[in-house]
Amino acid sequence: MAKMWAGRFQKEESKDVNDFNSSISFDGVMFKDDIVGSMAHARMLGHKGIISKEDSSLIIKTLGEILADIEEGNLLLDPEAEDIHMFVEAELTKRIGEVGKRLHTARSRNDQVALDVRLYLRGLVDSILEKLNALLNTIIDLAEKNKETVMPGYTHLQRAQPITFANHLLAYAFMIKRDISRFIDAKDRMNYSPLGSCALAGTTYPIDREMVSEELGFKGIVMNSLDGVSDRDFTVELASASSIAMMHLSRFSEEIILWCSWEFKFIDLDDAYSTGSSIMPQKKNPDIAELVRGKTGRVYGDLITLLTMLKGIPLAYNKDMQEDKEAIFDALNTLDQCLKIFKPMLETIKVNKENMRNAAAKGFINATDLADYLVKKGMAFRSAYKISGSLVAYCIDNGIILEEVPLEVFKTYSSLFDNDVYEDINIEKCTFKRTSQGASAVESVDAQIKALRS
């Protein structure tokens, strides 16, 4: 394929340089966005009289045919083409000759690629938002089924205080909610058209940038021509949002991996979302959760690639910026794939409520409630804290739990203890009496669910 800039050069580009320079292997996915953007540009050129309306109509018609041929598999992308933009333009010229060459009037590949990337990423973000919302609803549904499922809450991976499985799950629901808002915000800032910035300095043709922007569904135009072709903030922002979302999925995956181990056995993963061992027939491995955890580092790497690529390049466009696509496409596609598999994995888990309750009972996680009992009787918290800790030590020495300590033993530690202590340190009561906003009481969980549903 002849290069569009062949008139300036005396020698042909070497094959190695062409292969190194080519981006069609990864920017080819933007064929639809490139064609749709070109159709809007051609329509504007005809409307403004920059090219004839007849030429504009023929270009638009032929571009539609090219798009249909690619989508139907009748036209394959040429791996020898430099990029998707040159491929489409060359195919257009091949079909309608000189008229096809008019398409690139008042446009540069610099603003063309900036447009295509925004259009393509907009579609990827919509897919991710759909899956994030689906996952959010799955988490909420699972929480609604487990509002009275008591489990130990942890700090430092040590049993700390009793909570409900619902409240634990809703912590992740609020993380996902924040992820959704980050992607919505990032998409909103990205949704401005750079087309018409041309190479960097705008154009002398009487173009109508707003017309193209409106046709393509943008909120408006990028106001500065240099910024239009050199801005890739949106790729960094989307990679950042992807990294944070992957971090949330990774943390959730880590807990799922722990919970389904024999040491915890809080949940069982469905067979469809587990794998076995090649030599150990008893194994049921949480490979999906482990892969999500592992792929998080990959998305982090994409973010660092983008930040590093951009940090030292002057205005306006530089070839370094070709590196934006593989990184941001990979980040968003990886997150999309992880969300796609994570939702059904979570939907199909079996919750072992009895094991969760037993773990809560054996971890002395009602020790704080024991101290609070004494505080309600008039003792200073620090003094009550010390007595509660001493009673935990007594239980460990005697192989019992706090609920099994005889009243006469309680009284040796403080005369304030009475029969009502057993009601106050009951695991269920300890859990459900926490009625503050955001806590584990059923009414508190219901309020969280209501906020999330809205």
Foldseek 3Di string as FASTA:
>chain_A
DDDPPVVVDDDDDDPVVLLVQADAVFQVVLLVQLLLLLLLLLCQCCVQVVDPPVLSVLLNVVSVVVVVCVVVVNDDQDPSDRHSNRRSLVVSCVVVNPSSVCSCPLAAVLLSVLRSVLLVVLVLLVLLLVLLVLLLVLLLVVLVVWLQQKFFDDDPNAGAAIFIPSLVSLVLSVLSVVLSVLSVVLNLVSQAGLTQLHPHNGDPRPTDRQSSSVVSPGPYHDPHSQCSRADPVSLLSLLVSLLSNLVSLLVVLVVVQVCVDPVQVQKHWDQVQWDADPPDRVDTHNVLSVVSNVCSVVSVVLSVLVCVLNVDDDIHDDSSCSVSRVSSVVSSVSSSVSSVSVSVRSNRMGGPSVSRVVNNQPRLNLLQLQLVLVVVLPDDSVLSNVLSVVVVVVCVVVVHTPLPDDQVVVVVSPVSDDPCSNVSSDRSCSQQVPPPASGSHSVNSVVSSVVSVD
